[in-house]
Amino acid sequence: MRRPAALLTAVAAVAAVIGGGTAYGMEQLLDGHGGTSAAAPTASGSNATAKGAVSEVVQNVRDSVVEIKSTSSSGQATGSGVIITKDGEIITNNHVVSGADTVQVTFSSGKTAQAEVVGTDADKDLALLKVDGQDDLKPAALGDSDAVGVGDQVVAIGSPEGLSGTVTSGIVSAKDREVKVPKEDGDQSGQQGGQGGGPGGGWPFEYDGGQYNGSVQGETTTYKAIQTDASLNPGNSGGPLFNMSGQVIGINSAIFSSGSGDGQASASSAGSVGLGFAIPVDDVKQDLGSLREGGA
């Protein structure tokens, strides 16, 4: 859910359906890249017994979340991201930065920095950014999305409508929801303005046979998402979904907006109705190596 600075919110919220910490390390996977904090699930294989309150989770993880502004010839789009290494690696959605000429990151402190797009994977709608000159950032712990259970409480942090550091909470509503979206290949920068729609529109996407924000055309990709009722809005795209242990269990990628079915969405109807979708963090961990090499 990145959104153009102006009217078009699209951002891969796809306005409709695509778009929580101690742990053991993933040093083998992240060695030499600032040491991220990939974390293990709770002993029960779920975070259902975690005792953390939302406020405690936020206090522990908010410095790991960033706002992302990508600029291209079509304008500016806003999304979110999560820091995964001390030296400046950041995960976000591919659609947040696809086709961008410049990418600026704003940290929780308010400090800004230019970021380089290191690698992208349009198939999984993931991108890896790197901010140079950093060595003391706070990386988020990467959890185990396979261990997440339906009904587990979750917390989302991002920049909906440019309101950085916005916190929402909810539960995992379902798992393995298949969402189909167009691929962003870097040649479709115009789609940052909200392909297929006017105010409140977003990328077209397809779910359970229905199409939203217009028709899904051209080359597409399908992935299995975590469904959550935590409120997500345009600008949340690329931001983290945490379990109550403060581990990232997903990357928020899309929302279902009221009135968005059959390509219809309006400024008054766009926004969260409690149907959000996140890319499982296990997909992120599997993809890190290739993203560091430039992407799939």
C-alpha atoms as a PDB file:
ATOM      1  CA  MET A   1       0.000   0.000   0.000  1.00  0.00           C
ATOM      2  CA  ARG A   2       2.147   2.673  -1.161  1.00  0.00           C
ATOM      3  CA  ARG A   3       0.299   5.750  -2.213  1.00  0.00           C
ATOM      4  CA  PRO A   4       1.100   8.601  -4.510  1.00  0.00           C
ATOM      5  CA  ALA A   5       1.507  11.815  -2.623  1.00  0.00           C
ATOM      6  CA  ALA A   6      -1.526  13.169  -4.339  1.00  0.00           C
ATOM      7  CA  LEU A   7      -4.938  11.641  -4.723  1.00  0.00           C
ATOM      8  CA  LEU A   8      -4.229   8.131  -5.829  1.00  0.00           C
ATOM      9  CA  THR A   9      -3.765   5.808  -2.928  1.00  0.00           C
ATOM     10  CA  ALA A  10      -3.534   2.558  -4.731  1.00  0.00           C
ATOM     11  CA  VAL A  11      -0.246   1.494  -3.593  1.00  0.00           C
ATOM     12  CA  ALA A  12      -0.621  -2.042  -3.775  1.00  0.00           C
ATOM     13  CA  ALA A  13      -3.017  -2.029  -1.043  1.00  0.00           C
ATOM     14  CA  VAL A  14      -4.565  -3.296  -4.059  1.00  0.00           C
ATOM     15  CA  ALA A  15      -7.287  -1.817  -2.215  1.00  0.00           C
ATOM     16  CA  ALA A  16      -8.678  -5.102  -1.842  1.00  0.00           C
ATOM     17  CA  VAL A  17      -6.923  -8.251  -1.437  1.00  0.00           C
ATOM     18  CA  ILE A  18      -3.262  -8.386  -1.834  1.00  0.00           C
ATOM     19  CA  GLY A  19      -2.787  -5.776  -1.878  1.00  0.00           C
ATOM     20  CA  GLY A  20       5.613 -10.191  17.119  1.00  0.00           C
ATOM     21  CA  GLY A  21      11.482 -11.282  21.456  1.00  0.00           C
ATOM     22  CA  THR A  22      14.310 -13.194  22.167  1.00  0.00           C
ATOM     23  CA  ALA A  23      15.371 -15.698  19.681  1.00  0.00           C
ATOM     24  CA  TYR A  24      17.937 -17.862  18.258  1.00  0.00           C
ATOM     25  CA  GLY A  25      19.917 -16.251  15.478  1.00  0.00           C
ATOM     26  CA  MET A  26      20.012 -16.764  11.770  1.00  0.00           C
ATOM     27  CA  GLU A  27      23.680 -15.897  11.586  1.00  0.00           C
ATOM     28  CA  GLN A  28      24.264 -18.459   8.866  1.00  0.00           C
ATOM     29  CA  LEU A  29      21.729 -16.799   6.649  1.00  0.00           C
ATOM     30  CA  LEU A  30      22.644 -13.229   7.523  1.00  0.00           C
ATOM     31  CA  ASP A  31      26.337 -13.516   8.349  1.00  0.00           C
ATOM     32  CA  GLY A  32      28.330 -10.550   7.229  1.00  0.00           C
ATOM     33  CA  HIS A  33      25.305  -8.386   6.710  1.00  0.00           C
ATOM     34  CA  GLY A  34      25.123  -6.565  10.005  1.00  0.00           C
ATOM     35  CA  GLY A  35      23.705  -9.470  11.945  1.00  0.00           C
ATOM     36  CA  THR A  36      19.996  -9.411  11.782  1.00  0.00           C
ATOM     37  CA  SER A  37      17.878 -10.824  14.430  1.00  0.00           C
ATOM     38  CA  ALA A  38      15.944 -13.677  12.959  1.00  0.00           C
ATOM     39  CA  ALA A  39      14.098 -15.301  15.795  1.00  0.00           C
ATOM     40  CA  ALA A  40      12.561 -18.604  16.653  1.00  0.00           C
ATOM     41  CA  PRO A  41       8.934 -19.253  17.509  1.00  0.00           C
ATOM     42  CA  THR A  42       7.756 -19.953  21.013  1.00  0.00           C
ATOM     43  CA  ALA A  43       8.204 -23.446  22.357  1.00  0.00           C
ATOM     44  CA  SER A  44       4.603 -24.284  21.637  1.00  0.00           C
ATOM     45  CA  GLY A  45       5.045 -23.472  17.956  1.00  0.00           C
ATOM     46  CA  SER A  46       2.636 -20.565  18.264  1.00  0.00           C
ATOM     47  CA  ASN A  47       2.600 -17.147  19.852  1.00  0.00           C
ATOM     48  CA  ALA A  48      -0.793 -17.821  21.357  1.00  0.00           C
ATOM     49  CA  THR A  49       0.706 -18.024  24.859  1.00  0.00           C
ATOM     50  CA  ALA A  50       2.885 -14.940  24.521  1.00  0.00           C
ATOM     51  CA  LYS A  51       2.182 -12.497  27.338  1.00  0.00           C
ATOM     52  CA  GLY A  52       3.327  -9.245  25.737  1.00  0.00           C
ATOM     53  CA  ALA A  53       0.907  -6.348  25.573  1.00  0.00           C
ATOM     54  CA  VAL A  54       0.599  -4.325  22.379  1.00  0.00           C
ATOM     55  CA  SER A  55       2.304  -1.352  24.045  1.00  0.00           C
ATOM     56  CA  GLU A  56       5.253  -3.549  25.044  1.00  0.00           C
ATOM     57  CA  VAL A  57       5.617  -4.907  21.543  1.00  0.00           C
ATOM     58  CA  VAL A  58       5.563  -1.403  20.091  1.00  0.00           C
ATOM     59  CA  GLN A  59       8.152  -0.140  22.538  1.00  0.00           C
ATOM     60  CA  ASN A  60      10.489  -2.966  21.562  1.00  0.00           C
ATOM     61  CA  VAL A  61      10.083  -2.833  17.781  1.00  0.00           C
ATOM     62  CA  ARG A  62       9.103   0.655  16.665  1.00  0.00           C
ATOM     63  CA  ASP A  63      12.701   1.682  15.937  1.00  0.00           C
ATOM     64  CA  SER A  64      12.898  -1.162  13.411  1.00  0.00           C
ATOM     65  CA  VAL A  65      10.145   0.264  11.211  1.00  0.00           C
ATOM     66  CA  VAL A  66      10.739   2.901   8.534  1.00  0.00           C
ATOM     67  CA  GLU A  67       8.725   4.997   6.135  1.00  0.00           C
ATOM     68  CA  ILE A  68       9.685   4.753   2.465  1.00  0.00           C
ATOM     69  CA  LYS A  69       9.127   7.382  -0.200  1.00  0.00           C
ATOM     70  CA  SER A  70       9.880   6.367  -3.771  1.00  0.00           C
ATOM     71  CA  THR A  71       9.997   8.937  -6.544  1.00  0.00           C
ATOM     72  CA  SER A  72       9.683   8.411 -10.270  1.00  0.00           C
ATOM     73  CA  SER A  73       8.560  10.367 -13.312  1.00  0.00           C
ATOM     74  CA  SER A  74       4.972   9.548 -12.324  1.00  0.00           C
ATOM     75  CA  GLY A  75       5.234  11.142  -8.910  1.00  0.00           C
ATOM     76  CA  GLN A  76       5.853   9.998  -5.373  1.00  0.00           C
ATOM     77  CA  ALA A  77       4.581   6.957  -3.509  1.00  0.00           C
ATOM     78  CA  THR A  78       4.683   6.199   0.202  1.00  0.00           C
ATOM     79  CA  GLY A  79       5.119   2.796   1.807  1.00  0.00           C
ATOM     80  CA  SER A  80       6.735   1.171   4.806  1.00  0.00           C
ATOM     81  CA  GLY A  81       9.638  -1.164   5.520  1.00  0.00           C
ATOM     82  CA  VAL A  82      11.384  -3.096   8.274  1.00  0.00           C
ATOM     83  CA  ILE A  83      15.088  -3.017   9.187  1.00  0.00           C
ATOM     84  CA  ILE A  84      16.644  -6.491   9.229  1.00  0.00           C
ATOM     85  CA  THR A  85      20.361  -5.721   9.789  1.00  0.00           C
ATOM     86  CA  LYS A  86      22.307  -3.234  11.888  1.00  0.00           C
ATOM     87  CA  ASP A  87      24.084  -1.949   8.802  1.00  0.00           C
ATOM     88  CA  GLY A  88      20.981  -0.877   6.946  1.00  0.00           C
ATOM     89  CA  GLU A  89      19.243  -3.691   5.086  1.00  0.00           C
ATOM     90  CA  ILE A  90      15.505  -3.083   4.821  1.00  0.00           C
ATOM     91  CA  ILE A  91      12.728  -5.323   3.517  1.00  0.00           C
ATOM     92  CA  THR A  92       9.669  -3.871   1.798  1.00  0.00           C
ATOM     93  CA  ASN A  93       7.270  -4.727  -1.032  1.00  0.00           C
ATOM     94  CA  ASN A  94       8.501  -4.720  -4.599  1.00  0.00           C
ATOM     95  CA  HIS A  95       5.523  -2.631  -5.614  1.00  0.00           C
ATOM     96  CA  VAL A  96       6.562   0.118  -3.200  1.00  0.00           C
ATOM     97  CA  VAL A  97       9.815   0.784  -5.072  1.00  0.00           C
ATOM     98  CA  SER A  98       9.217  -0.638  -8.545  1.00  0.00           C
ATOM     99  CA  GLY A  99      10.289   1.826 -11.233  1.00  0.00           C
ATOM    100  CA  ALA A 100      11.557   4.357  -8.689  1.00  0.00           C
ATOM    101  CA  ASP A 101      14.379   6.730  -9.603  1.00  0.00           C
ATOM    102  CA  THR A 102      15.119   7.579  -5.978  1.00  0.00           C
ATOM    103  CA  VAL A 103      14.137   5.989  -2.665  1.00  0.00           C
ATOM    104  CA  GLN A 104      14.215   7.857   0.642  1.00  0.00           C
ATOM    105  CA  VAL A 105      13.905   6.210   4.041  1.00  0.00           C
ATOM    106  CA  THR A 106      12.729   7.964   7.199  1.00  0.00           C
ATOM    107  CA  PHE A 107      13.676   6.323  10.505  1.00  0.00           C
ATOM    108  CA  SER A 108      11.620   6.476  13.699  1.00  0.00           C
ATOM    109  CA  SER A 109      13.925   9.263  14.946  1.00  0.00           C
ATOM    110  CA  GLY A 110      12.890  11.416  12.009  1.00  0.00           C
ATOM    111  CA  LYS A 111      16.281  11.110  10.335  1.00  0.00           C
ATOM    112  CA  THR A 112      16.203  10.516   6.593  1.00  0.00           C
ATOM    113  CA  ALA A 113      18.604   8.770   4.234  1.00  0.00           C
ATOM    114  CA  GLN A 114      18.790   7.700   0.608  1.00  0.00           C
ATOM    115  CA  ALA A 115      18.433   3.978   0.002  1.00  0.00           C
ATOM    116  CA  GLU A 116      19.580   1.756  -2.844  1.00  0.00           C
ATOM    117  CA  VAL A 117      17.353  -0.972  -4.231  1.00  0.00           C
ATOM    118  CA  VAL A 118      19.638  -4.003  -3.921  1.00  0.00           C
ATOM    119  CA  GLY A 119      17.299  -6.655  -5.259  1.00  0.00           C
ATOM    120  CA  THR A 120      13.678  -7.325  -6.080  1.00  0.00           C
ATOM    121  CA  ASP A 121      11.467 -10.371  -6.537  1.00  0.00           C
ATOM    122  CA  ALA A 122       8.279  -9.567  -8.406  1.00  0.00           C
ATOM    123  CA  ASP A 123       7.023 -13.128  -7.937  1.00  0.00           C
ATOM    124  CA  LYS A 124       6.892 -12.670  -4.176  1.00  0.00           C
ATOM    125  CA  ASP A 125       6.383  -8.895  -4.221  1.00  0.00           C
ATOM    126  CA  LEU A 126       9.508  -8.389  -2.125  1.00  0.00           C
ATOM    127  CA  ALA A 127      12.391  -5.926  -2.330  1.00  0.00           C
ATOM    128  CA  LEU A 128      15.630  -5.445  -0.389  1.00  0.00           C
ATOM    129  CA  LEU A 129      16.931  -1.917   0.217  1.00  0.00           C
ATOM    130  CA  LYS A 130      20.272  -0.826   1.661  1.00  0.00           C
ATOM    131  CA  VAL A 131      21.117   2.419   3.448  1.00  0.00           C
ATOM    132  CA  ASP A 132      24.884   2.992   3.522  1.00  0.00           C
ATOM    133  CA  GLY A 133      26.886   4.466   6.383  1.00  0.00           C
ATOM    134  CA  GLN A 134      24.885   2.732   9.095  1.00  0.00           C
ATOM    135  CA  ASP A 135      26.173   0.378  11.780  1.00  0.00           C
ATOM    136  CA  ASP A 136      23.908   0.811  14.787  1.00  0.00           C
ATOM    137  CA  LEU A 137      20.366   0.403  13.510  1.00  0.00           C
ATOM    138  CA  LYS A 138      17.919  -1.795  15.405  1.00  0.00           C
ATOM    139  CA  PRO A 139      17.008  -4.858  13.338  1.00  0.00           C
ATOM    140  CA  ALA A 140      13.733  -6.652  13.835  1.00  0.00           C
ATOM    141  CA  ALA A 141      13.640 -10.326  14.752  1.00  0.00           C
ATOM    142  CA  LEU A 142      12.383 -12.576  11.983  1.00  0.00           C
ATOM    143  CA  GLY A 143       9.987 -15.165  13.345  1.00  0.00           C
ATOM    144  CA  ASP A 144       8.380 -18.321  11.969  1.00  0.00           C
ATOM    145  CA  SER A 145       5.234 -17.719   9.960  1.00  0.00           C
ATOM    146  CA  ASP A 146       4.561 -21.440   9.660  1.00  0.00           C
ATOM    147  CA  ALA A 147       4.175 -21.581  13.452  1.00  0.00           C
ATOM    148  CA  VAL A 148       1.590 -18.806  13.491  1.00  0.00           C
ATOM    149  CA  GLY A 149      -1.885 -19.960  14.441  1.00  0.00           C
ATOM    150  CA  VAL A 150      -5.263 -18.650  13.412  1.00  0.00           C
ATOM    151  CA  GLY A 151      -6.492 -16.458  16.271  1.00  0.00           C
ATOM    152  CA  ASP A 152      -2.987 -15.397  17.345  1.00  0.00           C
ATOM    153  CA  GLN A 153      -2.758 -11.697  18.180  1.00  0.00           C
ATOM    154  CA  VAL A 154      -0.661  -9.517  15.884  1.00  0.00           C
ATOM    155  CA  VAL A 155       0.534  -5.905  15.656  1.00  0.00           C
ATOM    156  CA  ALA A 156       1.087  -3.887  12.479  1.00  0.00           C
ATOM    157  CA  ILE A 157       3.228  -0.743  12.249  1.00  0.00           C
ATOM    158  CA  GLY A 158       3.560   1.433   9.182  1.00  0.00           C
ATOM    159  CA  SER A 159       2.814   4.716   7.461  1.00  0.00           C
ATOM    160  CA  PRO A 160      -0.784   4.634   6.252  1.00  0.00           C
ATOM    161  CA  GLU A 161      -1.550   7.821   4.326  1.00  0.00           C
ATOM    162  CA  GLY A 162       1.916   9.057   5.356  1.00  0.00           C
ATOM    163  CA  LEU A 163       1.136   8.886   9.084  1.00  0.00           C
ATOM    164  CA  SER A 164       4.444   7.282  10.063  1.00  0.00           C
ATOM    165  CA  GLY A 165       4.637   5.024  13.089  1.00  0.00           C
ATOM    166  CA  THR A 166       0.938   4.221  13.081  1.00  0.00           C
ATOM    167  CA  VAL A 167       0.145   1.154  15.205  1.00  0.00           C
ATOM    168  CA  THR A 168      -2.821  -1.171  14.745  1.00  0.00           C
ATOM    169  CA  SER A 169      -3.529  -4.592  16.192  1.00  0.00           C
ATOM    170  CA  GLY A 170      -5.725  -7.588  15.542  1.00  0.00           C
ATOM    171  CA  ILE A 171      -5.500 -11.315  15.047  1.00  0.00           C
ATOM    172  CA  VAL A 172      -4.519 -13.778  12.357  1.00  0.00           C
ATOM    173  CA  SER A 173      -7.813 -14.384  10.608  1.00  0.00           C
ATOM    174  CA  ALA A 174      -6.662 -17.112   8.220  1.00  0.00           C
ATOM    175  CA  LYS A 175      -3.578 -18.536   6.534  1.00  0.00           C
ATOM    176  CA  ASP A 176      -2.643 -19.563   2.993  1.00  0.00           C
ATOM    177  CA  ARG A 177      -4.990 -17.144   1.263  1.00  0.00           C
ATOM    178  CA  GLU A 178      -4.104 -17.183  -2.436  1.00  0.00           C
ATOM    179  CA  VAL A 179      -3.837 -13.680  -3.886  1.00  0.00           C
ATOM    180  CA  LYS A 180      -3.065 -12.959  -7.537  1.00  0.00           C
ATOM    181  CA  VAL A 181      -1.613  -9.607  -8.607  1.00  0.00           C
ATOM    182  CA  PRO A 182       0.142  -8.095 -11.630  1.00  0.00           C
ATOM    183  CA  LYS A 183       3.910  -8.232 -11.578  1.00  0.00           C
ATOM    184  CA  GLU A 184       5.774  -4.972 -11.137  1.00  0.00           C
ATOM    185  CA  ASP A 185       8.916  -5.305 -13.232  1.00  0.00           C
ATOM    186  CA  GLY A 186      10.421  -1.851 -12.993  1.00  0.00           C
ATOM    187  CA  ASP A 187       8.895  -0.790 -16.311  1.00  0.00           C
ATOM    188  CA  GLN A 188       5.511  -0.019 -14.833  1.00  0.00           C
ATOM    189  CA  SER A 189       6.348   2.997 -12.735  1.00  0.00           C
ATOM    190  CA  GLY A 190       3.177   4.636 -13.876  1.00  0.00           C
ATOM    191  CA  GLN A 191       1.287   2.140 -11.787  1.00  0.00           C
ATOM    192  CA  GLN A 192       2.517   3.924  -8.688  1.00  0.00           C
ATOM    193  CA  GLY A 193      -0.211   6.368  -9.425  1.00  0.00           C
ATOM    194  CA  GLY A 194      -2.803   3.749  -8.897  1.00  0.00           C
ATOM    195  CA  GLN A 195      -3.332   1.512 -11.830  1.00  0.00           C
ATOM    196  CA  GLY A 196      -6.937   0.885 -12.587  1.00  0.00           C
ATOM    197  CA  GLY A 197      -8.463   3.515 -10.482  1.00  0.00           C
ATOM    198  CA  GLY A 198      -9.179   6.898  -9.186  1.00  0.00           C
ATOM    199  CA  PRO A 199      -9.210   8.035  -5.590  1.00  0.00           C
ATOM    200  CA  GLY A 200      -8.780   5.143  -3.260  1.00  0.00           C
ATOM    201  CA  GLY A 201      -7.894   2.824  -6.112  1.00  0.00           C
ATOM    202  CA  GLY A 202      -4.939   0.486  -6.149  1.00  0.00           C
ATOM    203  CA  TRP A 203      -3.356  -2.224  -8.176  1.00  0.00           C
ATOM    204  CA  PRO A 204      -5.827  -4.662  -9.601  1.00  0.00           C
ATOM    205  CA  PHE A 205      -5.788  -8.028  -7.922  1.00  0.00           C
ATOM    206  CA  GLU A 206      -7.729 -11.228  -7.933  1.00  0.00           C
ATOM    207  CA  TYR A 207      -8.960 -13.304  -5.034  1.00  0.00           C
ATOM    208  CA  ASP A 208     -11.273 -16.291  -4.954  1.00  0.00           C
ATOM    209  CA  GLY A 209     -12.376 -15.644  -8.508  1.00  0.00           C
ATOM    210  CA  GLY A 210     -13.212 -11.977  -7.921  1.00  0.00           C
ATOM    211  CA  GLN A 211     -11.276  -9.059  -9.372  1.00  0.00           C
ATOM    212  CA  TYR A 212     -10.747  -5.790  -7.556  1.00  0.00           C
ATOM    213  CA  ASN A 213      -9.452  -2.350  -8.596  1.00  0.00           C
ATOM    214  CA  GLY A 214      -9.880  -3.262 -12.214  1.00  0.00           C
ATOM    215  CA  SER A 215      -9.014  -6.352 -14.189  1.00  0.00           C
ATOM    216  CA  VAL A 216      -5.818  -8.296 -13.561  1.00  0.00           C
ATOM    217  CA  GLN A 217      -3.985  -8.225 -16.884  1.00  0.00           C
ATOM    218  CA  GLY A 218      -0.581  -9.146 -18.239  1.00  0.00           C
ATOM    219  CA  GLU A 219       1.931 -11.224 -16.334  1.00  0.00           C
ATOM    220  CA  THR A 220       0.748 -12.083 -12.839  1.00  0.00           C
ATOM    221  CA  THR A 221       2.012 -13.779  -9.710  1.00  0.00           C
ATOM    222  CA  THR A 222       0.190 -15.632  -6.945  1.00  0.00           C
ATOM    223  CA  TYR A 223       1.320 -16.110  -3.362  1.00  0.00           C
ATOM    224  CA  LYS A 224      -0.214 -17.495  -0.178  1.00  0.00           C
ATOM    225  CA  ALA A 225      -0.816 -14.732   2.324  1.00  0.00           C
ATOM    226  CA  ILE A 226      -1.566 -14.401   6.024  1.00  0.00           C
ATOM    227  CA  GLN A 227      -4.945 -12.766   6.488  1.00  0.00           C
ATOM    228  CA  THR A 228      -5.365 -10.360   9.408  1.00  0.00           C
ATOM    229  CA  ASP A 229      -8.052  -8.051  10.727  1.00  0.00           C
ATOM    230  CA  ALA A 230      -5.427  -5.545  11.940  1.00  0.00           C
ATOM    231  CA  SER A 231      -6.288  -2.286  10.207  1.00  0.00           C
ATOM    232  CA  LEU A 232      -4.136  -1.739   7.094  1.00  0.00           C
ATOM    233  CA  ASN A 233      -4.433   1.192   4.707  1.00  0.00           C
ATOM    234  CA  PRO A 234      -2.542   2.607   1.715  1.00  0.00           C
ATOM    235  CA  GLY A 235       0.988   3.335   2.945  1.00  0.00           C
ATOM    236  CA  ASN A 236       1.156   0.206   5.130  1.00  0.00           C
ATOM    237  CA  SER A 237       2.558  -1.783   2.209  1.00  0.00           C
ATOM    238  CA  GLY A 238       5.971  -3.234   2.951  1.00  0.00           C
ATOM    239  CA  GLY A 239       5.643  -2.744   6.692  1.00  0.00           C
ATOM    240  CA  PRO A 240       5.939  -5.542   9.260  1.00  0.00           C
ATOM    241  CA  LEU A 241       3.268  -7.642  10.925  1.00  0.00           C
ATOM    242  CA  PHE A 242       4.538  -8.672  14.383  1.00  0.00           C
ATOM    243  CA  ASN A 243       3.548 -11.428  16.764  1.00  0.00           C
ATOM    244  CA  MET A 244       3.311 -10.692  20.465  1.00  0.00           C
ATOM    245  CA  SER A 245       6.930 -11.692  21.012  1.00  0.00           C
ATOM    246  CA  GLY A 246       8.015  -8.829  18.784  1.00  0.00           C
ATOM    247  CA  GLN A 247       8.979 -11.056  15.857  1.00  0.00           C
ATOM    248  CA  VAL A 248       8.114 -10.273  12.257  1.00  0.00           C
ATOM    249  CA  ILE A 249       5.744 -12.904  10.916  1.00  0.00           C
ATOM    250  CA  GLY A 250       4.708 -11.155   7.723  1.00  0.00           C
ATOM    251  CA  ILE A 251       5.172  -8.201   5.369  1.00  0.00           C
ATOM    252  CA  ASN A 252       1.918  -6.318   4.893  1.00  0.00           C
ATOM    253  CA  SER A 253       1.046  -6.140   1.232  1.00  0.00           C
ATOM    254  CA  ALA A 254      -2.622  -5.463   0.583  1.00  0.00           C
ATOM    255  CA  ILE A 255      -6.047  -4.649   1.868  1.00  0.00           C
ATOM    256  CA  PHE A 256      -9.599  -5.290   0.884  1.00  0.00           C
ATOM    257  CA  SER A 257     -11.413  -1.972   0.771  1.00  0.00           C
ATOM    258  CA  SER A 258     -15.106  -1.465   1.079  1.00  0.00           C
ATOM    259  CA  GLY A 259     -16.621  -0.823  -2.321  1.00  0.00           C
ATOM    260  CA  SER A 260     -13.569  -2.078  -4.219  1.00  0.00           C
ATOM    261  CA  GLY A 261     -15.177  -5.107  -5.779  1.00  0.00           C
ATOM    262  CA  ASP A 262     -15.476  -5.235  -9.552  1.00  0.00           C
ATOM    263  CA  GLY A 263     -13.009  -2.405  -9.854  1.00  0.00           C
ATOM    264  CA  GLN A 264     -15.087   0.092  -7.931  1.00  0.00           C
ATOM    265  CA  ALA A 265     -13.504   2.187  -5.202  1.00  0.00           C
ATOM    266  CA  SER A 266     -14.049   5.733  -4.097  1.00  0.00           C
ATOM    267  CA  ALA A 267     -12.328   8.172  -1.797  1.00  0.00           C
ATOM    268  CA  SER A 268     -15.128   7.749   0.688  1.00  0.00           C
ATOM    269  CA  SER A 269     -15.075   3.976   0.634  1.00  0.00           C
ATOM    270  CA  ALA A 270     -11.345   3.237   0.387  1.00  0.00           C
ATOM    271  CA  GLY A 271      -9.697   2.010   3.563  1.00  0.00           C
ATOM    272  CA  SER A 272      -9.485  -0.922   5.888  1.00  0.00           C
ATOM    273  CA  VAL A 273     -12.504  -3.066   6.590  1.00  0.00           C
ATOM    274  CA  GLY A 274     -10.525  -5.627   8.582  1.00  0.00           C
ATOM    275  CA  LEU A 275      -9.338  -7.728   5.646  1.00  0.00           C
ATOM    276  CA  GLY A 276      -5.584  -7.335   5.293  1.00  0.00           C
ATOM    277  CA  PHE A 277      -2.976  -9.615   3.745  1.00  0.00           C
ATOM    278  CA  ALA A 278       0.703 -10.164   4.535  1.00  0.00           C
ATOM    279  CA  ILE A 279       3.477 -12.106   2.811  1.00  0.00           C
ATOM    280  CA  PRO A 280       4.688 -14.803   5.249  1.00  0.00           C
ATOM    281  CA  VAL A 281       8.120 -14.063   6.723  1.00  0.00           C
ATOM    282  CA  ASP A 282       9.276 -17.580   5.846  1.00  0.00           C
ATOM    283  CA  ASP A 283       9.105 -16.475   2.205  1.00  0.00           C
ATOM    284  CA  VAL A 284      11.296 -13.492   3.079  1.00  0.00           C
ATOM    285  CA  LYS A 285      13.910 -15.664   4.752  1.00  0.00           C
ATOM    286  CA  GLN A 286      13.994 -18.053   1.802  1.00  0.00           C
ATOM    287  CA  ASP A 287      14.425 -15.131  -0.583  1.00  0.00           C
ATOM    288  CA  LEU A 288      17.123 -13.145   1.220  1.00  0.00           C
ATOM    289  CA  GLY A 289      20.049 -14.794  -0.542  1.00  0.00           C
ATOM    290  CA  SER A 290      18.732 -14.085  -4.007  1.00  0.00           C
ATOM    291  CA  LEU A 291      17.668 -10.549  -3.074  1.00  0.00           C
ATOM    292  CA  ARG A 292      21.196  -9.813  -1.946  1.00  0.00           C
ATOM    293  CA  GLU A 293      22.384 -11.004  -5.343  1.00  0.00           C
ATOM    294  CA  GLY A 294      20.041  -8.643  -7.139  1.00  0.00           C
ATOM    295  CA  GLY A 295      16.801 -10.570  -7.030  1.00  0.00           C
ATOM    296  CA  ALA A 296      15.019 -13.394  -8.733  1.00  0.00           C
END
